[in-house]
Amino acid sequence: MNITKRKPPTPGEILSEEFMVPLGLTQNKLAEFIQVPRRRINEIINNKRSITPDTAIRLSKLFGTSADLWLNLQHKVDLWEAFANREQEYKRIEPIESIKSYLMPKSSDFQFSS
């Protein structure tokens, strides 16, 4: 798993800094253009709401991107947060290769009676 120590940019940060600011778009105008409540845009930008497939499709239509762009941004943040919140717990899980001997019966474990 390739999780960095530094939190990835959120979809809200990308939306604001890479799309809205350069285009001079307000939250109100963006909400109007993609036909969603302004509150949804505000919560995304303030990292209080995740990007849903519905929002990803709407943003992709408006900006000429892919819906995958928005969903992948969200996915990276979600993975980072999960790992950051439970890192010690995840470190205790051993790869299957290191525990395979416990799972696979040895031929000496089988005794056949004749």
C-alpha atoms as a PDB file:
ATOM      1  CA  MET A   1       0.000   0.000   0.000  1.00  0.00           C
ATOM      2  CA  ASN A   2       1.491   3.325  -1.028  1.00  0.00           C
ATOM      3  CA  ILE A   3       0.294   5.726   1.670  1.00  0.00           C
ATOM      4  CA  THR A   4       2.347   8.879   2.116  1.00  0.00           C
ATOM      5  CA  LYS A   5       2.938  10.722   5.368  1.00  0.00           C
ATOM      6  CA  ARG A   6       1.589  13.903   3.810  1.00  0.00           C
ATOM      7  CA  LYS A   7      -2.175  14.123   3.370  1.00  0.00           C
ATOM      8  CA  PRO A   8      -3.157  14.314  -0.305  1.00  0.00           C
ATOM      9  CA  PRO A   9      -5.045  17.391  -1.515  1.00  0.00           C
ATOM     10  CA  THR A  10      -8.775  17.084  -0.999  1.00  0.00           C
ATOM     11  CA  PRO A  11     -11.238  17.293  -3.874  1.00  0.00           C
ATOM     12  CA  GLY A  12     -12.460  20.557  -2.322  1.00  0.00           C
ATOM     13  CA  GLU A  13      -8.977  22.063  -2.424  1.00  0.00           C
ATOM     14  CA  ILE A  14      -8.513  21.031  -6.049  1.00  0.00           C
ATOM     15  CA  LEU A  15     -11.977  22.261  -6.988  1.00  0.00           C
ATOM     16  CA  SER A  16     -11.368  25.633  -5.401  1.00  0.00           C
ATOM     17  CA  GLU A  17      -7.713  26.266  -6.277  1.00  0.00           C
ATOM     18  CA  GLU A  18      -7.473  24.642  -9.702  1.00  0.00           C
ATOM     19  CA  PHE A  19     -10.918  25.314 -11.129  1.00  0.00           C
ATOM     20  CA  MET A  20     -12.985  27.924  -9.327  1.00  0.00           C
ATOM     21  CA  VAL A  21     -10.348  30.572  -8.562  1.00  0.00           C
ATOM     22  CA  PRO A  22      -8.766  30.588 -12.046  1.00  0.00           C
ATOM     23  CA  LEU A  23     -12.218  30.797 -13.653  1.00  0.00           C
ATOM     24  CA  GLY A  24     -13.553  33.363 -11.188  1.00  0.00           C
ATOM     25  CA  LEU A  25     -16.377  31.018 -10.198  1.00  0.00           C
ATOM     26  CA  THR A  26     -18.253  31.588  -6.962  1.00  0.00           C
ATOM     27  CA  GLN A  27     -19.810  28.771  -4.981  1.00  0.00           C
ATOM     28  CA  ASN A  28     -23.223  30.112  -5.956  1.00  0.00           C
ATOM     29  CA  LYS A  29     -22.433  30.094  -9.675  1.00  0.00           C
ATOM     30  CA  LEU A  30     -20.874  26.647  -9.567  1.00  0.00           C
ATOM     31  CA  ALA A  31     -23.880  25.253  -7.711  1.00  0.00           C
ATOM     32  CA  GLU A  32     -26.173  26.859 -10.254  1.00  0.00           C
ATOM     33  CA  PHE A  33     -24.181  25.508 -13.225  1.00  0.00           C
ATOM     34  CA  ILE A  34     -24.195  21.918 -11.966  1.00  0.00           C
ATOM     35  CA  GLN A  35     -27.704  22.153 -10.517  1.00  0.00           C
ATOM     36  CA  VAL A  36     -26.985  21.302  -6.879  1.00  0.00           C
ATOM     37  CA  PRO A  37     -27.588  23.171  -3.627  1.00  0.00           C
ATOM     38  CA  ARG A  38     -24.910  25.773  -2.801  1.00  0.00           C
ATOM     39  CA  ARG A  39     -24.494  24.073   0.559  1.00  0.00           C
ATOM     40  CA  ARG A  40     -23.128  20.959  -1.176  1.00  0.00           C
ATOM     41  CA  ILE A  41     -20.397  22.996  -2.884  1.00  0.00           C
ATOM     42  CA  ASN A  42     -19.593  24.835   0.344  1.00  0.00           C
ATOM     43  CA  GLU A  43     -19.277  21.600   2.299  1.00  0.00           C
ATOM     44  CA  ILE A  44     -17.045  20.020  -0.368  1.00  0.00           C
ATOM     45  CA  ILE A  45     -14.748  23.041  -0.438  1.00  0.00           C
ATOM     46  CA  ASN A  46     -14.587  23.111   3.367  1.00  0.00           C
ATOM     47  CA  ASN A  47     -13.857  19.353   3.494  1.00  0.00           C
ATOM     48  CA  LYS A  48     -17.068  18.553   5.324  1.00  0.00           C
ATOM     49  CA  ARG A  49     -18.543  16.458   2.522  1.00  0.00           C
ATOM     50  CA  SER A  50     -17.133  13.820   0.226  1.00  0.00           C
ATOM     51  CA  ILE A  51     -17.415  13.753  -3.532  1.00  0.00           C
ATOM     52  CA  THR A  52     -20.185  11.368  -4.547  1.00  0.00           C
ATOM     53  CA  PRO A  53     -20.492   9.730  -7.964  1.00  0.00           C
ATOM     54  CA  ASP A  54     -23.355  12.147  -8.721  1.00  0.00           C
ATOM     55  CA  THR A  55     -21.240  15.201  -7.922  1.00  0.00           C
ATOM     56  CA  ALA A  56     -18.261  13.726  -9.785  1.00  0.00           C
ATOM     57  CA  ILE A  57     -20.346  13.327 -12.943  1.00  0.00           C
ATOM     58  CA  ARG A  58     -21.719  16.860 -12.673  1.00  0.00           C
ATOM     59  CA  LEU A  59     -18.252  18.392 -12.167  1.00  0.00           C
ATOM     60  CA  SER A  60     -16.810  16.334 -15.012  1.00  0.00           C
ATOM     61  CA  LYS A  61     -19.543  17.533 -17.367  1.00  0.00           C
ATOM     62  CA  LEU A  62     -18.941  21.170 -16.459  1.00  0.00           C
ATOM     63  CA  PHE A  63     -15.144  21.169 -16.474  1.00  0.00           C
ATOM     64  CA  GLY A  64     -14.521  18.614 -19.240  1.00  0.00           C
ATOM     65  CA  THR A  65     -12.719  16.222 -16.897  1.00  0.00           C
ATOM     66  CA  SER A  66     -13.535  12.628 -16.081  1.00  0.00           C
ATOM     67  CA  ALA A  67     -15.716  11.604 -13.187  1.00  0.00           C
ATOM     68  CA  ASP A  68     -12.837   9.299 -12.243  1.00  0.00           C
ATOM     69  CA  LEU A  69     -10.637  12.323 -11.557  1.00  0.00           C
ATOM     70  CA  TRP A  70     -12.943  13.517  -8.787  1.00  0.00           C
ATOM     71  CA  LEU A  71     -13.612  10.055  -7.391  1.00  0.00           C
ATOM     72  CA  ASN A  72      -9.904   9.172  -7.376  1.00  0.00           C
ATOM     73  CA  LEU A  73      -9.096  12.377  -5.482  1.00  0.00           C
ATOM     74  CA  GLN A  74     -11.711  11.415  -2.903  1.00  0.00           C
ATOM     75  CA  HIS A  75     -10.486   7.829  -2.803  1.00  0.00           C
ATOM     76  CA  LYS A  76      -6.911   8.915  -2.059  1.00  0.00           C
ATOM     77  CA  VAL A  77      -8.061  11.122   0.812  1.00  0.00           C
ATOM     78  CA  ASP A  78     -10.303   8.372   2.219  1.00  0.00           C
ATOM     79  CA  LEU A  79      -7.464   5.812   2.125  1.00  0.00           C
ATOM     80  CA  TRP A  80      -5.017   8.243   3.704  1.00  0.00           C
ATOM     81  CA  GLU A  81      -7.442   9.081   6.520  1.00  0.00           C
ATOM     82  CA  ALA A  82      -8.249   5.426   7.191  1.00  0.00           C
ATOM     83  CA  PHE A  83      -4.569   4.540   7.358  1.00  0.00           C
ATOM     84  CA  ALA A  84      -3.704   7.570   9.503  1.00  0.00           C
ATOM     85  CA  ASN A  85      -6.484   6.759  11.969  1.00  0.00           C
ATOM     86  CA  ARG A  86      -5.645   3.050  12.312  1.00  0.00           C
ATOM     87  CA  GLU A  87      -2.015   2.777  11.326  1.00  0.00           C
ATOM     88  CA  GLN A  88      -0.964   0.750  14.393  1.00  0.00           C
ATOM     89  CA  GLU A  89      -3.871  -1.645  13.945  1.00  0.00           C
ATOM     90  CA  TYR A  90      -3.023  -2.204  10.274  1.00  0.00           C
ATOM     91  CA  LYS A  91       0.653  -2.788  11.079  1.00  0.00           C
ATOM     92  CA  ARG A  92      -0.316  -5.780  13.226  1.00  0.00           C
ATOM     93  CA  ILE A  93      -1.837  -7.571  10.229  1.00  0.00           C
ATOM     94  CA  GLU A  94       0.694  -9.964   8.760  1.00  0.00           C
ATOM     95  CA  PRO A  95       0.928 -10.748   5.050  1.00  0.00           C
ATOM     96  CA  ILE A  96      -0.426 -14.150   4.058  1.00  0.00           C
ATOM     97  CA  GLU A  97       3.073 -15.303   3.038  1.00  0.00           C
ATOM     98  CA  SER A  98       4.266 -15.037   6.645  1.00  0.00           C
ATOM     99  CA  ILE A  99       1.366 -17.065   8.045  1.00  0.00           C
ATOM    100  CA  LYS A 100       0.892 -19.569   5.228  1.00  0.00           C
ATOM    101  CA  SER A 101       2.456 -22.369   7.248  1.00  0.00           C
ATOM    102  CA  TYR A 102      -0.376 -22.081   9.748  1.00  0.00           C
ATOM    103  CA  LEU A 103      -2.950 -22.479   7.007  1.00  0.00           C
ATOM    104  CA  MET A 104      -1.512 -25.252   4.888  1.00  0.00           C
ATOM    105  CA  PRO A 105      -1.625 -28.749   6.336  1.00  0.00           C
ATOM    106  CA  LYS A 106       1.640 -30.673   6.129  1.00  0.00           C
ATOM    107  CA  SER A 107       1.612 -34.155   4.671  1.00  0.00           C
ATOM    108  CA  SER A 108       2.803 -35.464   8.058  1.00  0.00           C
ATOM    109  CA  ASP A 109      -0.435 -34.133   9.542  1.00  0.00           C
ATOM    110  CA  PHE A 110      -2.403 -36.749   7.648  1.00  0.00           C
ATOM    111  CA  GLN A 111      -2.478 -40.294   8.928  1.00  0.00           C
ATOM    112  CA  PHE A 112      -4.061 -42.918   6.827  1.00  0.00           C
ATOM    113  CA  SER A 113      -5.340 -46.116   8.308  1.00  0.00           C
ATOM    114  CA  SER A 114      -5.354 -49.282   6.299  1.00  0.00           C
END
